[in-house]
Every structure is written in structure tokens, then in C-alpha cells.
């Protein structure tokens, strides 16, 4: 599962702050969405690298 978060103006939530920055939250055990095979492979790698 992936969530992409972008900045937004607090005082007026219709105004986006386009600085090009994005934050990604990746869940290795997520079940929602349809991630690409490359992302699936990377998440499996991340999960396995934390073992042991």
C-alpha cells in the first residue's frame, strides 16, 4: 500500500503548495491498491532486510 502526501495551505485547503516535494508512506504488509511489480519487489526487499 502506498500513500502519497503533498503540501497544502492550512488557511485555505483549496490552495496547493507546489514545491515539488512529496512524502511516500510504504506499507510492506498492505493489501489495498494495485502497486507495480517493481514496487512489490522493493517492498519485499525492505521487509526481508529488516529480518535477522
PDB file of N, CA and C in Angstrom:
ATOM      1  N   UNK A   1       0.844  -1.168   0.000  1.00  0.00           N
ATOM      2  CA  UNK A   1       0.000   0.000   0.000  1.00  0.00           C
ATOM      3  C   UNK A   1       0.891   1.234   0.000  1.00  0.00           C
ATOM      4  N   UNK A   2       0.497   2.237  -0.752  1.00  0.00           N
ATOM      5  CA  UNK A   2       1.267   3.474  -0.855  1.00  0.00           C
ATOM      6  C   UNK A   2       0.330   4.654  -0.655  1.00  0.00           C
ATOM      7  N   UNK A   3       0.764   5.584   0.173  1.00  0.00           N
ATOM      8  CA  UNK A   3       0.071   6.870   0.311  1.00  0.00           C
ATOM      9  C   UNK A   3       1.050   7.949  -0.124  1.00  0.00           C
ATOM     10  N   UNK A   4       0.608   8.855  -0.993  1.00  0.00           N
ATOM     11  CA  UNK A   4       1.430   9.983  -1.411  1.00  0.00           C
ATOM     12  C   UNK A   4       0.835  11.243  -0.805  1.00  0.00           C
ATOM     13  N   UNK A   5       1.657  11.982  -0.072  1.00  0.00           N
ATOM     14  CA  UNK A   5       1.200  13.184   0.632  1.00  0.00           C
ATOM     15  C   UNK A   5       1.903  14.399   0.025  1.00  0.00           C
ATOM     16  N   UNK A   6       1.125  15.429  -0.275  1.00  0.00           N
ATOM     17  CA  UNK A   6       1.696  16.676  -0.783  1.00  0.00           C
ATOM     18  C   UNK A   6       1.325  17.808   0.160  1.00  0.00           C
ATOM     19  N   UNK A   7       2.105  18.883   0.125  1.00  0.00           N
ATOM     20  CA  UNK A   7       1.856  20.040   0.990  1.00  0.00           C
ATOM     21  C   UNK A   7       0.620  20.802   0.541  1.00  0.00           C
ATOM     22  N   UNK A   8      -0.035  21.432   1.516  1.00  0.00           N
ATOM     23  CA  UNK A   8      -1.229  22.212   1.235  1.00  0.00           C
ATOM     24  C   UNK A   8      -1.307  23.375   2.211  1.00  0.00           C
ATOM     25  N   UNK A   9      -1.888  24.470   1.788  1.00  0.00           N
ATOM     26  CA  UNK A   9      -2.051  25.647   2.629  1.00  0.00           C
ATOM     27  C   UNK A   9      -3.091  25.363   3.719  1.00  0.00           C
ATOM     28  N   UNK A  10      -2.725  25.593   4.975  1.00  0.00           N
ATOM     29  CA  UNK A  10      -3.624  25.326   6.109  1.00  0.00           C
ATOM     30  C   UNK A  10      -4.822  26.278   6.107  1.00  0.00           C
ATOM     31  N   UNK A  11      -4.583  27.553   5.844  1.00  0.00           N
ATOM     32  CA  UNK A  11      -5.651  28.553   5.907  1.00  0.00           C
ATOM     33  C   UNK A  11      -6.677  28.387   4.783  1.00  0.00           C
ATOM     34  N   UNK A  12      -6.266  27.867   3.648  1.00  0.00           N
ATOM     35  CA  UNK A  12      -7.176  27.659   2.519  1.00  0.00           C
ATOM     36  C   UNK A  12      -6.809  26.332   1.872  1.00  0.00           C
ATOM     37  N   UNK A  13      -7.531  25.258   2.226  1.00  0.00           N
ATOM     38  CA  UNK A  13      -7.158  23.932   1.753  1.00  0.00           C
ATOM     39  C   UNK A  13      -7.371  23.706   0.258  1.00  0.00           C
ATOM     40  N   UNK A  14      -7.903  24.715  -0.450  1.00  0.00           N
ATOM     41  CA  UNK A  14      -8.014  24.589  -1.902  1.00  0.00           C
ATOM     42  C   UNK A  14      -6.732  25.043  -2.598  1.00  0.00           C
ATOM     43  N   UNK A  15      -5.815  25.652  -1.840  1.00  0.00           N
ATOM     44  CA  UNK A  15      -4.557  26.131  -2.393  1.00  0.00           C
ATOM     45  C   UNK A  15      -3.472  25.085  -2.136  1.00  0.00           C
ATOM     46  N   UNK A  16      -2.948  24.517  -3.221  1.00  0.00           N
ATOM     47  CA  UNK A  16      -1.855  23.563  -3.034  1.00  0.00           C
ATOM     48  C   UNK A  16      -0.529  24.300  -3.102  1.00  0.00           C
ATOM     49  N   UNK A  17       0.421  23.777  -2.389  1.00  0.00           N
ATOM     50  CA  UNK A  17       1.748  24.374  -2.318  1.00  0.00           C
ATOM     51  C   UNK A  17       2.662  23.513  -3.174  1.00  0.00           C
ATOM     52  N   UNK A  18       2.850  23.898  -4.418  1.00  0.00           N
ATOM     53  CA  UNK A  18       3.587  23.092  -5.391  1.00  0.00           C
ATOM     54  C   UNK A  18       5.079  23.363  -5.332  1.00  0.00           C
ATOM     55  N   UNK A  19       5.746  22.766  -4.346  1.00  0.00           N
ATOM     56  CA  UNK A  19       7.195  22.900  -4.256  1.00  0.00           C
ATOM     57  C   UNK A  19       7.902  21.676  -4.823  1.00  0.00           C
ATOM     58  N   UNK A  20       7.125  20.718  -5.338  1.00  0.00           N
ATOM     59  CA  UNK A  20       7.704  19.521  -5.932  1.00  0.00           C
ATOM     60  C   UNK A  20       7.969  18.413  -4.926  1.00  0.00           C
ATOM     61  N   UNK A  21       7.801  18.706  -3.640  1.00  0.00           N
ATOM     62  CA  UNK A  21       8.061  17.700  -2.613  1.00  0.00           C
ATOM     63  C   UNK A  21       6.847  16.790  -2.452  1.00  0.00           C
ATOM     64  N   UNK A  22       7.108  15.520  -2.210  1.00  0.00           N
ATOM     65  CA  UNK A  22       6.060  14.554  -1.903  1.00  0.00           C
ATOM     66  C   UNK A  22       6.612  13.576  -0.885  1.00  0.00           C
ATOM     67  N   UNK A  23       5.770  13.128   0.003  1.00  0.00           N
ATOM     68  CA  UNK A  23       6.157  12.148   1.011  1.00  0.00           C
ATOM     69  C   UNK A  23       5.441  10.849   0.695  1.00  0.00           C
ATOM     70  N   UNK A  24       6.174   9.757   0.687  1.00  0.00           N
ATOM     71  CA  UNK A  24       5.574   8.457   0.419  1.00  0.00           C
ATOM     72  C   UNK A  24       5.600   7.619   1.681  1.00  0.00           C
ATOM     73  N   UNK A  25       4.476   7.025   2.007  1.00  0.00           N
ATOM     74  CA  UNK A  25       4.387   6.101   3.127  1.00  0.00           C
ATOM     75  C   UNK A  25       4.149   4.722   2.531  1.00  0.00           C
ATOM     76  N   UNK A  26       5.084   3.829   2.732  1.00  0.00           N
ATOM     77  CA  UNK A  26       5.017   2.496   2.149  1.00  0.00           C
ATOM     78  C   UNK A  26       4.739   1.470   3.247  1.00  0.00           C
ATOM     79  N   UNK A  27       3.775   0.618   3.026  1.00  0.00           N
ATOM     80  CA  UNK A  27       3.424  -0.421   3.977  1.00  0.00           C
ATOM     81  C   UNK A  27       3.727  -1.775   3.350  1.00  0.00           C
ATOM     82  N   UNK A  28       4.663  -2.505   3.917  1.00  0.00           N
ATOM     83  CA  UNK A  28       5.069  -3.777   3.325  1.00  0.00           C
ATOM     84  C   UNK A  28       3.998  -4.850   3.465  1.00  0.00           C
ATOM     85  N   UNK A  29       3.075  -4.678   4.379  1.00  0.00           N
ATOM     86  CA  UNK A  29       2.030  -5.673   4.569  1.00  0.00           C
ATOM     87  C   UNK A  29       0.661  -5.168   4.116  1.00  0.00           C
ATOM     88  N   UNK A  30       0.627  -4.093   3.371  1.00  0.00           N
ATOM     89  CA  UNK A  30      -0.630  -3.536   2.892  1.00  0.00           C
ATOM     90  C   UNK A  30      -1.304  -4.433   1.868  1.00  0.00           C
ATOM     91  N   UNK A  31      -2.619  -4.306   1.762  1.00  0.00           N
ATOM     92  CA  UNK A  31      -3.377  -5.136   0.830  1.00  0.00           C
ATOM     93  C   UNK A  31      -4.228  -4.314  -0.130  1.00  0.00           C
ATOM     94  N   UNK A  32      -4.215  -3.024  -0.003  1.00  0.00           N
ATOM     95  CA  UNK A  32      -5.037  -2.164  -0.850  1.00  0.00           C
ATOM     96  C   UNK A  32      -4.255  -1.687  -2.061  1.00  0.00           C
ATOM     97  N   UNK A  33      -4.963  -1.338  -3.109  1.00  0.00           N
ATOM     98  CA  UNK A  33      -4.336  -0.753  -4.288  1.00  0.00           C
ATOM     99  C   UNK A  33      -3.729  -1.790  -5.216  1.00  0.00           C
ATOM    100  N   UNK A  34      -3.129  -1.295  -6.290  1.00  0.00           N
ATOM    101  CA  UNK A  34      -2.512  -2.153  -7.292  1.00  0.00           C
ATOM    102  C   UNK A  34      -1.118  -1.627  -7.614  1.00  0.00           C
ATOM    103  N   UNK A  35      -0.163  -1.881  -6.720  1.00  0.00           N
ATOM    104  CA  UNK A  35       1.202  -1.386  -6.961  1.00  0.00           C
ATOM    105  C   UNK A  35       1.858  -2.124  -8.118  1.00  0.00           C
ATOM    106  N   UNK A  36       2.831  -1.486  -8.725  1.00  0.00           N
ATOM    107  CA  UNK A  36       3.574  -2.119  -9.818  1.00  0.00           C
ATOM    108  C   UNK A  36       4.409  -3.273  -9.268  1.00  0.00           C
ATOM    109  N   UNK A  37       4.812  -4.170 -10.136  1.00  0.00           N
ATOM    110  CA  UNK A  37       5.639  -5.293  -9.710  1.00  0.00           C
ATOM    111  C   UNK A  37       6.968  -4.798  -9.151  1.00  0.00           C
ATOM    112  N   UNK A  38       7.514  -3.710  -9.713  1.00  0.00           N
ATOM    113  CA  UNK A  38       8.763  -3.151  -9.183  1.00  0.00           C
ATOM    114  C   UNK A  38       8.597  -2.703  -7.735  1.00  0.00           C
ATOM    115  N   UNK A  39       7.469  -2.066  -7.427  1.00  0.00           N
ATOM    116  CA  UNK A  39       7.222  -1.621  -6.055  1.00  0.00           C
ATOM    117  C   UNK A  39       7.026  -2.820  -5.129  1.00  0.00           C
ATOM    118  N   UNK A  40       6.301  -3.819  -5.581  1.00  0.00           N
ATOM    119  CA  UNK A  40       6.111  -5.036  -4.787  1.00  0.00           C
ATOM    120  C   UNK A  40       7.456  -5.661  -4.457  1.00  0.00           C
ATOM    121  N   UNK A  41       8.319  -5.773  -5.460  1.00  0.00           N
ATOM    122  CA  UNK A  41       9.648  -6.355  -5.256  1.00  0.00           C
ATOM    123  C   UNK A  41      10.461  -5.538  -4.256  1.00  0.00           C
ATOM    124  N   UNK A  42      10.395  -4.209  -4.360  1.00  0.00           N
ATOM    125  CA  UNK A  42      11.145  -3.356  -3.448  1.00  0.00           C
ATOM    126  C   UNK A  42      10.629  -3.505  -2.013  1.00  0.00           C
ATOM    127  N   UNK A  43       9.302  -3.555  -1.840  1.00  0.00           N
ATOM    128  CA  UNK A  43       8.729  -3.707  -0.508  1.00  0.00           C
ATOM    129  C   UNK A  43       9.113  -5.052   0.109  1.00  0.00           C
ATOM    130  N   UNK A  44       9.154  -6.103  -0.693  1.00  0.00           N
ATOM    131  CA  UNK A  44       9.592  -7.411  -0.198  1.00  0.00           C
ATOM    132  C   UNK A  44      11.053  -7.349   0.237  1.00  0.00           C
ATOM    133  N   UNK A  45      11.873  -6.654  -0.543  1.00  0.00           N
ATOM    134  CA  UNK A  45      13.285  -6.492  -0.194  1.00  0.00           C
ATOM    135  C   UNK A  45      13.429  -5.745   1.135  1.00  0.00           C
ATOM    136  N   UNK A  46      12.692  -4.659   1.286  1.00  0.00           N
ATOM    137  CA  UNK A  46      12.742  -3.869   2.516  1.00  0.00           C
ATOM    138  C   UNK A  46      12.312  -4.725   3.704  1.00  0.00           C
ATOM    139  N   UNK A  47      11.240  -5.472   3.527  1.00  0.00           N
ATOM    140  CA  UNK A  47      10.737  -6.311   4.612  1.00  0.00           C
ATOM    141  C   UNK A  47      11.772  -7.371   5.020  1.00  0.00           C
ATOM    142  N   UNK A  48      12.396  -8.013   4.037  1.00  0.00           N
ATOM    143  CA  UNK A  48      13.376  -9.050   4.326  1.00  0.00           C
ATOM    144  C   UNK A  48      14.659  -8.483   4.919  1.00  0.00           C
ATOM    145  N   UNK A  49      15.022  -7.261   4.540  1.00  0.00           N
ATOM    146  CA  UNK A  49      16.269  -6.677   5.050  1.00  0.00           C
ATOM    147  C   UNK A  49      16.173  -6.346   6.533  1.00  0.00           C
ATOM    148  N   UNK A  50      14.957  -6.244   7.061  1.00  0.00           N
ATOM    149  CA  UNK A  50      14.765  -5.964   8.472  1.00  0.00           C
ATOM    150  C   UNK A  50      14.772  -7.226   9.325  1.00  0.00           C
ATOM    151  N   UNK A  51      14.791  -8.379   8.680  1.00  0.00           N
ATOM    152  CA  UNK A  51      14.831  -9.646   9.406  1.00  0.00           C
ATOM    153  C   UNK A  51      16.255  -9.990   9.797  1.00  0.00           C
ATOM    154  N   UNK A  52      16.369 -10.677  10.860  1.00  0.00           N
ATOM    155  CA  UNK A  52      17.638 -11.283  11.155  1.00  0.00           C
ATOM    156  C   UNK A  52      18.593 -10.613  11.975  1.00  0.00           C
TER     157      UNK A  52
END
